[in-house]
Amino acid sequence: MQVKLLAAVVAAGEGEKINVSQVCSEAGASRKTFYKWVKRYREHGMEGLEDRSTRPLSSPNQISGEVEDLIVRKRKELRDAGLDHGATTIQWHLGRDKAVSTVPSVAGVHRVLVRRGLVDPQPKKRPKSSWKRFEAAAPNERWQIDAMDWVIATGVVRVFNIIDDHSRVVVRSAAVPEATTEAAWATFSQAVAVWGPPAGVLSDNGLCFSGKLRGFEVLFEANLRDAGIRPSNGRPFHPQTTGKVERFQQTLKKWLRKKDLARSIVELQQHLDAFCHVYNHERPHQGIGRAIPVDRWNASLAARPSEEPLPHPSYIQHRYDKKVSCEGVVNADWTAIHIGVEWAGEDATVLINHDRATVLVDGHLVRHLTLDRTRRYQPSGRPRGGTRKPRLAS
């Protein structure tokens, strides 16, 4: 303000003795700015000393109202369909709309969404640049597999999802009554029949995929090794390792919520198949530069598994196939392990690794314990006469 007033004095012809350099130095302004105010005062008087907007007189690159309305409509269409509806996806669809002569940038689309009040600010959201990403170099080099719960009219079922780490193609999404290791292998085999066998499979430590943490090998990983396919697991409580399939399941759930409640597993499977077609053939994927997953799959040669079976883990010391007694006890390695009378007469598999023992019936984990080598009988610890556990349906 002091500079402006002195500039007005000079412009009025009454500031011959003012040292302009000293005034500008003390005020932290340049001589150029000082004489700008002098010129404005001479042309417009005191009104010329008011601050002016720095906004340009014209904005030739500004998004038109018609395109803004199209952006809003496209966002609603994608949201109602249960698909991604962020600025990046909207801009991708605008680029394929022949009615749009000039496609705005992603930043421009985002500004429209903010201006229309369609974006909720998330200042604490972790930036994408902070994540350490890894990606397979070719299709079928590594698949990621996981299972999720979903509710249909008859209750809760499970859905196995398998995604190719390189191309993001969903090689299989299958609804099953229970997430057993047999169901996991059946789903995997269905994917192999269409896309060919992968070189490796990455999963979490769920018992349907791996028994590594419990000291034994389940059917799924055993069959993988026999086929020359390398199984691998993420660290416990570290879902980021299988982040691609975890992220896919978020997208899948969002889409399924827009559909009517499935009345059966068959109807749910129809929904899954429809979504996988959209995901693989029609939907741009931001994680691969907005490419279509199946296009990225076809751009490279697929990897192959080993031609020879892979060795099985050595942590399994002894295996015993025994019949459960009428008292609910299975005998192995001079040890009597009580698992409950509900299993009487069943064929059980006992895996013993030093002082750790695991008992399975029909592939289901029944008991996992540390053996007390000072005694032969290993009690279950369950209260006597308590409620019996229901047997598994055959």
Protein backbone atom coordinates (compact mmCIF):
# COMPACT_ATOMS: atom_id res chain seq x y z
CA MET A 1 0.00 0.00 0.00
CA GLN A 2 2.89 2.37 0.78
CA VAL A 3 4.34 1.81 -2.69
CA LYS A 4 0.97 2.50 -4.31
CA LEU A 5 0.52 5.76 -2.42
CA LEU A 6 4.01 6.98 -3.26
CA ALA A 7 3.43 5.98 -6.87
CA ALA A 8 0.27 8.14 -6.85
CA VAL A 9 2.29 11.05 -5.44
CA VAL A 10 4.92 10.73 -8.17
CA ALA A 11 2.24 10.40 -10.84
CA ALA A 12 0.65 13.63 -9.59
CA GLY A 13 3.98 15.44 -10.10
CA GLU A 14 4.60 16.08 -6.43
CA GLY A 15 7.27 13.51 -5.65
CA GLU A 16 10.39 14.97 -7.23
CA LYS A 17 12.43 14.41 -4.04
CA ILE A 18 11.35 10.78 -3.52
CA ASN A 19 14.17 8.24 -3.82
CA VAL A 20 12.38 5.50 -5.78
CA SER A 21 15.15 2.91 -5.35
CA GLN A 22 15.22 3.36 -1.58
CA VAL A 23 11.42 3.21 -1.30
CA CYS A 24 11.23 0.00 -3.37
CA SER A 25 14.08 -1.59 -1.39
CA GLU A 26 12.41 -0.87 1.94
CA ALA A 27 9.01 -2.09 0.71
CA GLY A 28 10.38 -5.23 -0.94
CA ALA A 29 9.08 -4.22 -4.36
CA SER A 30 10.79 -3.74 -7.70
CA ARG A 31 11.12 -0.47 -9.65
CA LYS A 32 9.13 -2.08 -12.43
CA THR A 33 6.18 -2.62 -10.07
CA PHE A 34 6.46 0.94 -8.76
CA TYR A 35 6.23 2.50 -12.21
CA LYS A 36 3.38 0.13 -13.12
CA TRP A 37 1.32 1.79 -10.35
CA VAL A 38 2.44 5.22 -11.55
CA LYS A 39 1.14 4.45 -15.03
CA ARG A 40 -2.17 3.08 -13.74
CA TYR A 41 -2.78 6.14 -11.57
CA ARG A 42 -2.18 8.46 -14.51
CA GLU A 43 -4.62 6.48 -16.68
CA HIS A 44 -7.39 5.60 -14.20
CA GLY A 45 -6.84 7.65 -11.07
CA MET A 46 -7.37 6.01 -7.70
CA GLU A 47 -9.33 3.14 -9.29
CA GLY A 48 -6.18 2.13 -11.11
CA LEU A 49 -4.52 1.30 -7.78
CA GLU A 50 -6.99 -1.50 -7.02
CA ASP A 51 -5.79 -5.08 -7.49
CA ARG A 52 -6.98 -6.68 -10.72
CA SER A 53 -7.90 -10.30 -11.39
CA THR A 54 -5.14 -12.36 -12.98
CA ARG A 55 -7.71 -14.47 -14.81
CA PRO A 56 -7.19 -14.36 -18.60
CA LEU A 57 -9.79 -12.55 -20.71
CA SER A 58 -10.46 -15.75 -22.67
CA SER A 59 -9.94 -19.50 -21.98
CA PRO A 60 -9.89 -21.32 -25.33
CA ASN A 61 -9.06 -24.66 -23.63
CA GLN A 62 -11.89 -24.48 -21.10
CA ILE A 63 -14.20 -27.51 -21.16
CA SER A 64 -17.56 -26.63 -22.69
CA GLY A 65 -20.80 -26.97 -20.80
CA GLU A 66 -21.91 -29.78 -23.14
CA VAL A 67 -18.79 -31.84 -22.39
CA GLU A 68 -19.17 -31.16 -18.66
CA ASP A 69 -22.72 -32.53 -18.81
CA LEU A 70 -21.44 -35.57 -20.73
CA ILE A 71 -18.79 -36.17 -18.05
CA VAL A 72 -21.47 -36.11 -15.34
CA ARG A 73 -23.73 -38.48 -17.31
CA LYS A 74 -20.90 -40.89 -18.04
CA ARG A 75 -19.96 -40.98 -14.37
CA LYS A 76 -23.55 -41.83 -13.42
CA GLU A 77 -23.75 -44.56 -16.09
CA LEU A 78 -20.54 -46.22 -14.89
CA ARG A 79 -21.51 -45.90 -11.23
CA ASP A 80 -24.98 -47.38 -11.81
CA ALA A 81 -23.35 -50.31 -13.66
CA GLY A 82 -21.07 -50.97 -10.69
CA LEU A 83 -17.92 -50.11 -12.67
CA ASP A 84 -15.06 -47.72 -11.92
CA HIS A 85 -16.20 -44.14 -12.43
CA GLY A 86 -13.16 -42.02 -11.59
CA ALA A 87 -11.66 -39.29 -13.77
CA THR A 88 -9.22 -41.65 -15.49
CA THR A 89 -11.92 -44.11 -16.55
CA ILE A 90 -14.30 -41.35 -17.65
CA GLN A 91 -11.58 -39.77 -19.79
CA TRP A 92 -10.89 -43.14 -21.40
CA HIS A 93 -14.55 -43.51 -22.40
CA LEU A 94 -14.70 -39.92 -23.72
CA GLY A 95 -11.78 -40.72 -26.00
CA ARG A 96 -13.92 -43.42 -27.64
CA ASP A 97 -16.98 -41.20 -28.02
CA LYS A 98 -17.12 -39.83 -31.58
CA ALA A 99 -19.37 -37.00 -30.43
CA VAL A 100 -16.49 -35.48 -28.41
CA SER A 101 -14.20 -33.55 -30.75
CA THR A 102 -11.69 -32.49 -28.08
CA VAL A 103 -11.07 -34.93 -25.24
CA PRO A 104 -10.20 -33.19 -21.95
CA SER A 105 -7.28 -34.31 -19.83
CA VAL A 106 -7.71 -36.48 -16.75
CA ALA A 107 -6.98 -33.41 -14.61
CA GLY A 108 -9.65 -31.49 -16.51
CA VAL A 109 -12.23 -34.22 -15.94
CA HIS A 110 -11.31 -34.28 -12.26
CA ARG A 111 -11.79 -30.51 -11.98
CA VAL A 112 -15.26 -30.86 -13.51
CA LEU A 113 -16.19 -33.55 -10.98
CA VAL A 114 -14.92 -31.38 -8.12
CA ARG A 115 -16.77 -28.32 -9.44
CA ARG A 116 -19.99 -30.31 -9.71
CA GLY A 117 -19.57 -31.62 -6.13
CA LEU A 118 -19.11 -35.27 -7.20
CA VAL A 119 -15.74 -35.90 -5.55
CA ASP A 120 -15.25 -36.37 -1.82
CA PRO A 121 -11.86 -35.02 -0.68
CA GLN A 122 -9.57 -37.64 0.86
CA PRO A 123 -6.52 -35.72 2.17
CA LYS A 124 -5.30 -38.68 4.27
CA LYS A 125 -5.43 -41.18 1.41
CA ARG A 126 -2.07 -42.85 0.86
CA PRO A 127 -0.55 -41.75 -2.49
CA LYS A 128 -0.07 -44.44 -5.13
CA SER A 129 3.60 -43.47 -5.49
CA SER A 130 4.27 -44.82 -1.98
CA TRP A 131 3.46 -48.41 -2.95
CA LYS A 132 6.19 -50.77 -4.11
CA ARG A 133 4.79 -52.56 -7.14
CA PHE A 134 5.86 -55.87 -8.62
CA GLU A 135 4.59 -57.50 -11.77
CA ALA A 136 5.22 -60.72 -13.66
CA ALA A 137 7.11 -60.22 -16.92
CA ALA A 138 4.81 -62.41 -19.08
CA PRO A 139 1.32 -63.93 -19.08
CA ASN A 140 1.04 -67.17 -17.08
CA GLU A 141 4.29 -66.46 -15.27
CA ARG A 142 2.33 -66.16 -12.03
CA TRP A 143 -1.34 -66.40 -11.12
CA GLN A 144 -2.81 -64.97 -7.93
CA ILE A 145 -5.65 -66.88 -6.25
CA ASP A 146 -7.92 -65.97 -3.36
CA ALA A 147 -11.40 -66.69 -2.02
CA MET A 148 -14.13 -64.32 -0.84
CA ASP A 149 -17.53 -64.68 0.83
CA TRP A 150 -20.73 -63.69 -0.95
CA VAL A 151 -24.36 -63.89 0.09
CA ILE A 152 -27.07 -65.41 -2.10
CA ALA A 153 -30.72 -66.15 -1.31
CA THR A 154 -29.85 -69.49 0.31
CA GLY A 155 -27.01 -68.20 2.49
CA VAL A 156 -23.28 -67.53 2.33
CA VAL A 157 -21.17 -69.15 -0.38
CA ARG A 158 -17.54 -68.78 -1.40
CA VAL A 159 -16.07 -67.45 -4.64
CA PHE A 160 -12.60 -68.45 -5.86
CA ASN A 161 -10.91 -65.81 -8.02
CA ILE A 162 -7.74 -66.32 -10.08
CA ILE A 163 -6.06 -63.41 -11.88
CA ASP A 164 -2.99 -63.32 -14.12
CA ASP A 165 -0.32 -61.15 -12.50
CA HIS A 166 1.01 -59.71 -15.78
CA SER A 167 -2.08 -58.99 -17.89
CA ARG A 168 -4.73 -58.79 -15.09
CA VAL A 169 -6.90 -61.23 -17.04
CA VAL A 170 -9.34 -63.03 -14.74
CA VAL A 171 -8.67 -66.61 -15.75
CA ARG A 172 -11.46 -67.94 -13.54
CA SER A 173 -14.05 -66.77 -11.03
CA ALA A 174 -16.09 -69.65 -9.63
CA ALA A 175 -18.79 -69.89 -6.94
CA VAL A 176 -18.56 -72.93 -4.65
CA PRO A 177 -20.42 -74.06 -1.50
CA GLU A 178 -17.23 -74.32 0.60
CA ALA A 179 -13.65 -73.14 0.19
CA THR A 180 -11.99 -76.55 0.34
CA THR A 181 -8.65 -77.49 -1.17
CA GLU A 182 -10.51 -79.80 -3.59
CA ALA A 183 -12.71 -76.91 -4.75
CA ALA A 184 -9.64 -74.70 -5.15
CA TRP A 185 -8.00 -77.32 -7.37
CA ALA A 186 -11.20 -77.79 -9.41
CA THR A 187 -11.40 -74.03 -10.03
CA PHE A 188 -7.72 -73.92 -10.96
CA SER A 189 -8.17 -76.82 -13.40
CA GLN A 190 -11.06 -74.97 -15.10
CA ALA A 191 -8.79 -71.97 -15.64
CA VAL A 192 -5.98 -74.14 -17.03
CA ALA A 193 -8.38 -75.70 -19.55
CA VAL A 194 -8.94 -72.23 -21.09
CA TRP A 195 -5.69 -70.30 -20.55
CA GLY A 196 -3.08 -73.03 -20.17
CA PRO A 197 -1.01 -73.86 -17.07
CA PRO A 198 0.98 -71.09 -15.32
CA ALA A 199 4.58 -71.32 -14.14
CA GLY A 200 3.65 -70.34 -10.59
CA VAL A 201 0.73 -69.61 -8.27
CA LEU A 202 0.69 -67.04 -5.46
CA SER A 203 -1.80 -67.30 -2.60
CA ASP A 204 -2.26 -66.45 1.03
CA ASN A 205 -1.90 -69.07 3.76
CA GLY A 206 -5.52 -70.23 3.76
CA LEU A 207 -5.83 -73.95 4.42
CA CYS A 208 -7.50 -74.51 1.05
CA PHE A 209 -4.27 -73.30 -0.63
CA SER A 210 -1.42 -74.23 1.70
CA GLY A 211 -0.61 -76.15 4.86
CA LYS A 212 2.90 -74.73 5.10
CA LEU A 213 2.34 -72.88 8.36
CA ARG A 214 0.85 -76.02 9.91
CA GLY A 215 3.64 -78.35 8.83
CA PHE A 216 1.81 -80.34 6.13
CA GLU A 217 0.94 -80.19 2.45
CA VAL A 218 -2.63 -79.84 1.18
CA LEU A 219 -4.01 -81.28 -2.05
CA PHE A 220 -3.90 -77.98 -3.94
CA GLU A 221 -0.19 -77.32 -3.47
CA ALA A 222 0.71 -81.01 -3.84
CA ASN A 223 -1.02 -81.14 -7.23
CA LEU A 224 0.73 -77.93 -8.28
CA ARG A 225 4.15 -79.40 -7.55
CA ASP A 226 3.27 -82.62 -9.35
CA ALA A 227 2.39 -80.51 -12.42
CA GLY A 228 5.69 -78.59 -12.28
CA ILE A 229 3.97 -75.41 -11.05
CA ARG A 230 5.68 -73.45 -8.28
CA PRO A 231 3.39 -72.58 -5.32
CA SER A 232 4.27 -69.56 -3.19
CA ASN A 233 2.62 -67.79 -0.26
CA GLY A 234 2.53 -64.31 1.19
CA ARG A 235 3.52 -63.52 4.75
CA PRO A 236 0.80 -64.01 7.37
CA PHE A 237 -1.38 -60.88 7.85
CA HIS A 238 0.16 -59.27 4.74
CA PRO A 239 -2.60 -59.15 2.07
CA GLN A 240 -0.57 -56.70 -0.04
CA THR A 241 1.36 -59.67 -1.46
CA THR A 242 -1.76 -60.83 -3.30
CA GLY A 243 -2.87 -57.26 -3.85
CA LYS A 244 -3.93 -57.68 -7.48
CA VAL A 245 -6.53 -60.34 -6.78
CA GLU A 246 -7.57 -58.53 -3.56
CA ARG A 247 -8.14 -55.35 -5.59
CA PHE A 248 -10.06 -57.31 -8.23
CA GLN A 249 -12.40 -58.66 -5.54
CA GLN A 250 -13.22 -55.12 -4.41
CA THR A 251 -14.19 -54.26 -7.99
CA LEU A 252 -16.18 -57.48 -8.33
CA LYS A 253 -18.12 -56.86 -5.10
CA LYS A 254 -18.97 -53.32 -6.19
CA TRP A 255 -20.38 -54.69 -9.45
CA LEU A 256 -22.30 -57.54 -7.79
CA ARG A 257 -23.98 -55.12 -5.37
CA LYS A 258 -25.66 -53.48 -8.35
CA LYS A 259 -27.26 -56.79 -9.35
CA ASP A 260 -30.31 -58.49 -7.88
CA LEU A 261 -29.62 -61.03 -5.15
CA ALA A 262 -28.71 -64.34 -6.80
CA ARG A 263 -31.19 -67.09 -5.99
CA SER A 264 -28.66 -69.91 -6.38
CA ILE A 265 -25.00 -70.65 -7.03
CA VAL A 266 -25.88 -71.23 -10.68
CA GLU A 267 -27.33 -67.73 -10.99
CA LEU A 268 -24.36 -66.23 -9.12
CA GLN A 269 -22.02 -68.02 -11.54
CA GLN A 270 -23.87 -66.38 -14.44
CA HIS A 271 -23.21 -62.97 -12.84
CA LEU A 272 -19.53 -63.84 -12.37
CA ASP A 273 -19.13 -64.98 -15.98
CA ALA A 274 -20.77 -61.79 -17.26
CA PHE A 275 -18.52 -59.57 -15.18
CA CYS A 276 -15.35 -61.44 -16.18
CA HIS A 277 -16.19 -60.84 -19.84
CA VAL A 278 -16.53 -57.10 -19.21
CA TYR A 279 -13.39 -57.04 -17.05
CA ASN A 280 -11.25 -58.94 -19.56
CA HIS A 281 -12.55 -57.58 -22.88
CA GLU A 282 -14.19 -54.18 -22.35
CA ARG A 283 -12.89 -52.46 -19.23
CA PRO A 284 -9.66 -50.36 -19.22
CA HIS A 285 -7.30 -51.30 -16.38
CA GLN A 286 -5.43 -48.42 -14.76
CA GLY A 287 -2.74 -50.74 -13.37
CA ILE A 288 -1.54 -51.56 -16.91
CA GLY A 289 -1.75 -48.12 -18.50
CA ARG A 290 -5.49 -48.30 -19.22
CA ALA A 291 -5.02 -51.26 -21.57
CA ILE A 292 -7.63 -53.98 -21.97
CA PRO A 293 -6.42 -57.08 -20.04
CA VAL A 294 -6.94 -59.54 -22.90
CA ASP A 295 -5.04 -57.23 -25.27
CA ARG A 296 -2.08 -57.21 -22.89
CA TRP A 297 -2.28 -60.98 -22.59
CA ASN A 298 -2.07 -61.36 -26.39
CA ALA A 299 0.88 -58.96 -26.64
CA SER A 300 3.40 -61.42 -25.13
CA LEU A 301 4.20 -65.12 -25.21
CA ALA A 302 2.81 -67.00 -22.21
CA ALA A 303 5.20 -68.59 -19.72
CA ARG A 304 5.18 -72.33 -19.10
CA PRO A 305 5.59 -74.49 -15.99
CA SER A 306 8.50 -76.85 -15.44
CA GLU A 307 8.44 -80.03 -17.50
CA GLU A 308 9.39 -82.04 -14.42
CA PRO A 309 7.48 -82.36 -11.12
CA LEU A 310 8.81 -80.14 -8.35
CA PRO A 311 10.08 -81.65 -5.08
CA HIS A 312 7.64 -81.76 -2.19
CA PRO A 313 8.54 -80.11 1.15
CA SER A 314 10.64 -82.09 3.59
CA TYR A 315 8.92 -80.84 6.73
CA ILE A 316 6.51 -83.79 6.67
CA GLN A 317 8.31 -86.53 8.64
CA HIS A 318 5.66 -89.24 8.86
CA ARG A 319 2.22 -89.87 7.39
CA TYR A 320 -0.28 -92.38 8.68
CA ASP A 321 -3.62 -93.36 7.14
CA LYS A 322 -5.79 -94.69 9.96
CA LYS A 323 -9.39 -95.49 10.81
CA VAL A 324 -10.94 -93.47 13.65
CA SER A 325 -12.07 -95.72 16.51
CA CYS A 326 -15.58 -95.77 17.91
CA GLU A 327 -14.29 -93.67 20.84
CA GLY A 328 -13.16 -90.94 18.39
CA VAL A 329 -9.46 -91.77 18.74
CA VAL A 330 -6.94 -92.22 15.94
CA ASN A 331 -3.70 -94.13 16.70
CA ALA A 332 -0.42 -93.24 14.99
CA ASP A 333 3.27 -93.37 15.91
CA TRP A 334 2.52 -94.93 19.34
CA THR A 335 0.24 -91.99 20.06
CA ALA A 336 -3.54 -91.95 20.57
CA ILE A 337 -5.05 -88.65 19.47
CA HIS A 338 -8.63 -87.90 20.46
CA ILE A 339 -10.56 -85.98 17.80
CA GLY A 340 -14.18 -86.70 18.82
CA VAL A 341 -16.72 -89.46 18.41
CA GLU A 342 -18.41 -87.59 15.56
CA TRP A 343 -15.53 -88.83 13.38
CA ALA A 344 -15.87 -92.48 14.44
CA GLY A 345 -15.38 -94.90 11.56
CA GLU A 346 -13.94 -92.26 9.22
CA ASP A 347 -10.63 -92.61 7.36
CA ALA A 348 -8.17 -90.11 8.80
CA THR A 349 -4.71 -88.94 7.73
CA VAL A 350 -2.23 -88.14 10.50
CA LEU A 351 0.85 -86.06 9.66
CA ILE A 352 3.56 -85.92 12.33
CA ASN A 353 6.50 -83.52 12.19
CA HIS A 354 8.63 -84.03 15.31
CA ASP A 355 6.30 -82.90 18.14
CA ARG A 356 3.62 -81.41 15.90
CA ALA A 357 0.69 -83.48 14.66
CA THR A 358 -2.10 -82.72 12.20
CA VAL A 359 -5.22 -84.82 11.67
CA LEU A 360 -7.30 -84.52 8.49
CA VAL A 361 -10.54 -86.23 7.52
CA ASP A 362 -11.55 -86.04 3.86
CA GLY A 363 -9.08 -83.21 3.38
CA HIS A 364 -10.56 -81.14 6.24
CA LEU A 365 -8.36 -80.09 9.12
CA VAL A 366 -9.80 -81.72 12.24
CA ARG A 367 -7.05 -81.12 14.78
CA HIS A 368 -3.59 -79.57 14.95
CA LEU A 369 -1.65 -80.02 18.19
CA THR A 370 1.70 -80.18 19.95
CA LEU A 371 2.25 -83.75 21.16
CA ASP A 372 2.92 -84.42 24.82
CA ARG A 373 5.59 -87.11 24.51
CA THR A 374 5.35 -87.95 28.23
CA ARG A 375 1.99 -89.61 27.66
CA ARG A 376 0.47 -91.78 24.97
CA TYR A 377 -3.10 -90.45 25.04
CA GLN A 378 -3.58 -86.92 23.70
CA PRO A 379 -6.93 -85.58 25.02
CA SER A 380 -8.94 -83.15 22.95
CA GLY A 381 -9.45 -80.75 25.86
CA ARG A 382 -13.15 -80.57 25.14
CA PRO A 383 -15.52 -80.84 28.14
CA ARG A 384 -16.93 -84.31 28.55
CA GLY A 385 -20.56 -84.71 27.57
CA GLY A 386 -20.59 -81.42 25.68
CA THR A 387 -22.31 -80.65 22.41
CA ARG A 388 -20.93 -82.74 19.60
CA LYS A 389 -19.56 -81.11 16.49
CA PRO A 390 -21.76 -81.87 13.44
CA ARG A 391 -20.23 -84.10 10.84
CA LEU A 392 -19.32 -82.74 7.45
CA ALA A 393 -21.80 -83.36 4.68
CA SER A 394 -20.64 -86.01 2.26
